[in-house]
C-alpha cells in the first residue's frame, strides 16, 4: 500500500475512533438517565424515558455507521 493509501486508512481509523468516543458518551448518558429514572417520580420518569429512547435511536444509527466504517476499512486494507 502506498503512502497516500496509508494516510487515508489512518484518517478512516481516526473517524471510527471519534464515533466510538461518541458511542461511549451516549452510553454514559443513557446510564445516567436510567439511574435517575429509578429514583424519581412517575412524571419525571416519562420525560427521562423519552430522552432515553431518543438516545437509543442515536445509538442505533451510530452503531450502523461504525459497522459500515469498519467494513470500508477492512475492504481497503485487503486491496
C-alpha atoms as a PDB file:
ATOM      1  CA  UNK A   1       0.000   0.000   0.000  1.00  0.00           C
ATOM      2  CA  UNK A   2       1.339   3.425  -0.884  1.00  0.00           C
ATOM      3  CA  UNK A   3       1.742   6.389   1.419  1.00  0.00           C
ATOM      4  CA  UNK A   4      -1.491   8.071   0.319  1.00  0.00           C
ATOM      5  CA  UNK A   5      -3.415   4.883   0.927  1.00  0.00           C
ATOM      6  CA  UNK A   6      -1.972   4.569   4.416  1.00  0.00           C
ATOM      7  CA  UNK A   7      -2.800   8.182   5.221  1.00  0.00           C
ATOM      8  CA  UNK A   8      -6.364   7.621   4.004  1.00  0.00           C
ATOM      9  CA  UNK A   9      -6.642   4.492   6.126  1.00  0.00           C
ATOM     10  CA  UNK A  10      -5.303   6.363   9.170  1.00  0.00           C
ATOM     11  CA  UNK A  11      -7.917   9.076   8.666  1.00  0.00           C
ATOM     12  CA  UNK A  12     -10.623   6.415   8.476  1.00  0.00           C
ATOM     13  CA  UNK A  13      -9.411   4.899  11.744  1.00  0.00           C
ATOM     14  CA  UNK A  14      -9.457   8.333  13.375  1.00  0.00           C
ATOM     15  CA  UNK A  15     -13.047   8.839  12.229  1.00  0.00           C
ATOM     16  CA  UNK A  16     -14.052   5.493  13.703  1.00  0.00           C
ATOM     17  CA  UNK A  17     -12.334   6.423  16.963  1.00  0.00           C
ATOM     18  CA  UNK A  18     -14.363   9.640  17.087  1.00  0.00           C
ATOM     19  CA  UNK A  19     -17.544   7.649  16.515  1.00  0.00           C
ATOM     20  CA  UNK A  20     -16.573   5.197  19.258  1.00  0.00           C
ATOM     21  CA  UNK A  21     -15.960   8.124  21.619  1.00  0.00           C
ATOM     22  CA  UNK A  22     -19.416   9.452  20.750  1.00  0.00           C
ATOM     23  CA  UNK A  23     -20.886   5.997  21.383  1.00  0.00           C
ATOM     24  CA  UNK A  24     -19.234   5.888  24.796  1.00  0.00           C
ATOM     25  CA  UNK A  25     -20.651   9.323  25.597  1.00  0.00           C
ATOM     26  CA  UNK A  26     -24.143   8.213  24.557  1.00  0.00           C
ATOM     27  CA  UNK A  27     -23.916   5.065  26.668  1.00  0.00           C
ATOM     28  CA  UNK A  28     -22.777   7.006  29.725  1.00  0.00           C
ATOM     29  CA  UNK A  29     -25.645   9.457  29.277  1.00  0.00           C
ATOM     30  CA  UNK A  30     -28.101   6.588  28.932  1.00  0.00           C
ATOM     31  CA  UNK A  31     -26.734   5.005  32.096  1.00  0.00           C
ATOM     32  CA  UNK A  32     -27.134   8.289  33.935  1.00  0.00           C
ATOM     33  CA  UNK A  33     -30.732   8.635  32.740  1.00  0.00           C
ATOM     34  CA  UNK A  34     -31.540   5.063  33.756  1.00  0.00           C
ATOM     35  CA  UNK A  35     -30.114   5.613  37.230  1.00  0.00           C
ATOM     36  CA  UNK A  36     -32.026   8.857  37.661  1.00  0.00           C
ATOM     37  CA  UNK A  37     -35.239   7.196  36.485  1.00  0.00           C
ATOM     38  CA  UNK A  38     -35.024   4.615  39.258  1.00  0.00           C
ATOM     39  CA  UNK A  39     -35.122   7.349  41.908  1.00  0.00           C
ATOM     40  CA  UNK A  40     -37.715   9.790  40.609  1.00  0.00           C
ATOM     41  CA  UNK A  41     -41.469  10.267  40.371  1.00  0.00           C
ATOM     42  CA  UNK A  42     -43.577   8.948  37.509  1.00  0.00           C
ATOM     43  CA  UNK A  43     -43.953  12.217  35.564  1.00  0.00           C
ATOM     44  CA  UNK A  44     -40.201  12.801  35.528  1.00  0.00           C
ATOM     45  CA  UNK A  45     -39.668   9.152  34.600  1.00  0.00           C
ATOM     46  CA  UNK A  46     -41.801   9.663  31.478  1.00  0.00           C
ATOM     47  CA  UNK A  47     -39.630  12.574  30.373  1.00  0.00           C
ATOM     48  CA  UNK A  48     -36.492  10.556  31.070  1.00  0.00           C
ATOM     49  CA  UNK A  49     -37.903   7.641  29.112  1.00  0.00           C
ATOM     50  CA  UNK A  50     -38.411   9.852  26.058  1.00  0.00           C
ATOM     51  CA  UNK A  51     -34.846  11.122  26.353  1.00  0.00           C
ATOM     52  CA  UNK A  52     -33.585   7.564  26.729  1.00  0.00           C
ATOM     53  CA  UNK A  53     -35.487   6.448  23.616  1.00  0.00           C
ATOM     54  CA  UNK A  54     -34.044   9.350  21.617  1.00  0.00           C
ATOM     55  CA  UNK A  55     -30.557   8.332  22.703  1.00  0.00           C
ATOM     56  CA  UNK A  56     -31.283   4.714  21.758  1.00  0.00           C
ATOM     57  CA  UNK A  57     -32.167   5.863  18.248  1.00  0.00           C
ATOM     58  CA  UNK A  58     -28.965   7.874  18.013  1.00  0.00           C
ATOM     59  CA  UNK A  59     -27.003   4.891  19.301  1.00  0.00           C
ATOM     60  CA  UNK A  60     -28.519   2.528  16.730  1.00  0.00           C
ATOM     61  CA  UNK A  61     -27.686   4.913  13.908  1.00  0.00           C
ATOM     62  CA  UNK A  62     -24.163   5.444  15.207  1.00  0.00           C
ATOM     63  CA  UNK A  63     -23.558   1.712  15.565  1.00  0.00           C
ATOM     64  CA  UNK A  64     -24.582   1.155  11.941  1.00  0.00           C
ATOM     65  CA  UNK A  65     -22.218   3.944  10.869  1.00  0.00           C
ATOM     66  CA  UNK A  66     -19.393   2.351  12.864  1.00  0.00           C
ATOM     67  CA  UNK A  67     -20.020  -1.047  11.264  1.00  0.00           C
ATOM     68  CA  UNK A  68     -20.068   0.497   7.790  1.00  0.00           C
ATOM     69  CA  UNK A  69     -16.781   2.253   8.537  1.00  0.00           C
ATOM     70  CA  UNK A  70     -15.192  -0.964   9.778  1.00  0.00           C
ATOM     71  CA  UNK A  71     -16.273  -2.741   6.603  1.00  0.00           C
ATOM     72  CA  UNK A  72     -14.803   0.040   4.495  1.00  0.00           C
ATOM     73  CA  UNK A  73     -11.505  -0.061   6.391  1.00  0.00           C
ATOM     74  CA  UNK A  74     -11.297  -3.839   6.019  1.00  0.00           C
ATOM     75  CA  UNK A  75     -12.120  -3.639   2.327  1.00  0.00           C
ATOM     76  CA  UNK A  76      -9.415  -1.021   1.790  1.00  0.00           C
ATOM     77  CA  UNK A  77      -6.834  -2.974   3.769  1.00  0.00           C
ATOM     78  CA  UNK A  78      -7.411  -6.068   1.628  1.00  0.00           C
ATOM     79  CA  UNK A  79      -6.960  -4.178  -1.656  1.00  0.00           C
END
